[in-house]
Amino acid sequence: MKILKIENKKSYFSTDGSNYTSITDIGKEDIYKILDIIYNNNDYEMDEYNDSVEIANEVEKIIYKDIYNQLISFASKKEILASEINNEFKTVKEKYQIEAE
């Protein structure tokens, strides 16, 4: 599933892989959905951003670049995050003597 794409000098995002919306319209809930996709899947794609990428609207370019870089950073750390979350749950379960399901 492609979550970020650049096409015809415009940038888009998707939370379902088929409906694309201008990156300038991205909201908090959309970002949460994209983070969930990255965290729970390895089957996602993003068009790479670099300085040679041509996006006509400067605002779109800035937003795409920032979001792309943040998502790449998140994806590179997701194994560490998962481990930290699992360790925290283990600690809470032990503290409150909750049995694993």
Protein backbone atom coordinates (compact mmCIF):
# COMPACT_ATOMS: atom_id res chain seq x y z
CA MET A 1 0.00 0.00 0.00
CA LYS A 2 1.37 3.41 -0.93
CA ILE A 3 0.83 5.93 1.86
CA LEU A 4 2.75 8.89 0.38
CA LYS A 5 3.13 9.64 -3.29
CA ILE A 6 4.30 12.35 -5.64
CA GLU A 7 2.60 12.55 -9.01
CA ASN A 8 2.48 15.29 -11.64
CA LYS A 9 4.43 17.68 -9.36
CA LYS A 10 1.85 17.27 -6.57
CA SER A 11 2.05 15.34 -3.30
CA TYR A 12 -0.58 13.08 -1.77
CA PHE A 13 -1.24 10.79 1.18
CA SER A 14 -3.51 7.80 1.64
CA THR A 15 -4.73 5.85 4.65
CA ASP A 16 -6.21 3.03 2.58
CA GLY A 17 -3.93 2.74 -0.46
CA SER A 18 -6.58 3.67 -2.99
CA ASN A 19 -7.96 7.11 -2.12
CA TYR A 20 -5.39 9.89 -2.25
CA THR A 21 -5.73 13.37 -0.78
CA SER A 22 -3.48 16.41 -1.13
CA ILE A 23 -0.78 16.43 1.53
CA THR A 24 -1.91 19.94 2.52
CA ASP A 25 -5.17 18.42 3.80
CA ILE A 26 -3.53 15.91 6.14
CA GLY A 27 -4.82 16.02 9.69
CA LYS A 28 -3.97 14.56 13.06
CA GLU A 29 -6.23 11.52 12.60
CA ASP A 30 -4.71 10.81 9.17
CA ILE A 31 -1.22 10.89 10.68
CA TYR A 32 -2.32 8.49 13.45
CA LYS A 33 -3.70 6.09 10.82
CA ILE A 34 -0.49 6.25 8.80
CA LEU A 35 1.62 5.63 11.91
CA ASP A 36 -0.61 2.64 12.69
CA ILE A 37 -0.05 1.29 9.17
CA ILE A 38 3.71 1.63 9.54
CA TYR A 39 3.73 0.14 13.05
CA ASN A 40 1.58 -2.88 12.20
CA ASN A 41 2.70 -3.62 8.63
CA ASN A 42 5.76 -4.00 6.50
CA ASP A 43 3.64 -3.77 3.35
CA TYR A 44 3.63 -0.03 2.71
CA GLU A 45 5.44 2.33 0.36
CA MET A 46 6.30 6.01 0.24
CA ASP A 47 7.69 7.94 -2.69
CA GLU A 48 11.13 9.07 -1.61
CA TYR A 49 11.75 12.71 -0.97
CA ASN A 50 15.05 14.33 -1.87
CA ASP A 51 16.11 17.76 -3.09
CA SER A 52 15.70 16.77 -6.74
CA VAL A 53 12.02 15.84 -6.30
CA GLU A 54 9.82 18.31 -8.09
CA ILE A 55 6.71 19.48 -6.26
CA ALA A 56 5.24 22.64 -7.76
CA ASN A 57 3.65 24.09 -4.62
CA GLU A 58 6.27 25.13 -2.06
CA VAL A 59 3.88 24.51 0.86
CA GLU A 60 3.21 20.96 -0.34
CA LYS A 61 6.94 20.41 -0.72
CA ILE A 62 7.67 21.50 2.86
CA ILE A 63 4.83 19.45 4.34
CA TYR A 64 5.72 16.34 2.30
CA LYS A 65 9.41 16.62 3.21
CA ASP A 66 8.69 16.98 6.93
CA ILE A 67 6.13 14.19 7.07
CA TYR A 68 8.27 11.86 4.95
CA ASN A 69 11.32 12.41 7.18
CA GLN A 70 9.28 11.87 10.36
CA LEU A 71 7.72 8.67 9.00
CA ILE A 72 11.13 7.33 7.93
CA SER A 73 12.43 8.05 11.42
CA PHE A 74 9.42 6.36 13.03
CA ALA A 75 9.75 3.31 10.76
CA SER A 76 13.44 2.94 11.60
CA LYS A 77 12.60 2.93 15.33
CA LYS A 78 9.47 0.78 15.33
CA GLU A 79 11.24 -2.38 16.54
CA ILE A 80 12.69 -0.46 19.48
CA LEU A 81 9.30 1.10 20.23
CA ALA A 82 7.58 -2.29 20.11
CA SER A 83 10.14 -3.73 22.49
CA GLU A 84 9.75 -0.81 24.91
CA ILE A 85 5.96 -1.08 24.81
CA ASN A 86 6.06 -4.85 25.40
CA ASN A 87 8.47 -4.42 28.31
CA GLU A 88 6.24 -1.74 29.83
CA PHE A 89 3.17 -4.01 29.54
CA LYS A 90 5.13 -6.87 31.08
CA THR A 91 6.09 -4.63 34.02
CA VAL A 92 2.49 -3.49 34.50
CA LYS A 93 1.18 -7.06 34.31
CA GLU A 94 3.72 -8.20 36.89
CA LYS A 95 3.02 -5.24 39.17
CA TYR A 96 -0.74 -5.77 39.13
CA GLN A 97 -0.53 -9.56 38.77
CA ILE A 98 -2.54 -9.60 35.55
CA GLU A 99 -2.49 -12.89 33.72
CA ALA A 100 -1.59 -12.85 30.03
CA GLU A 101 -4.41 -13.65 27.67
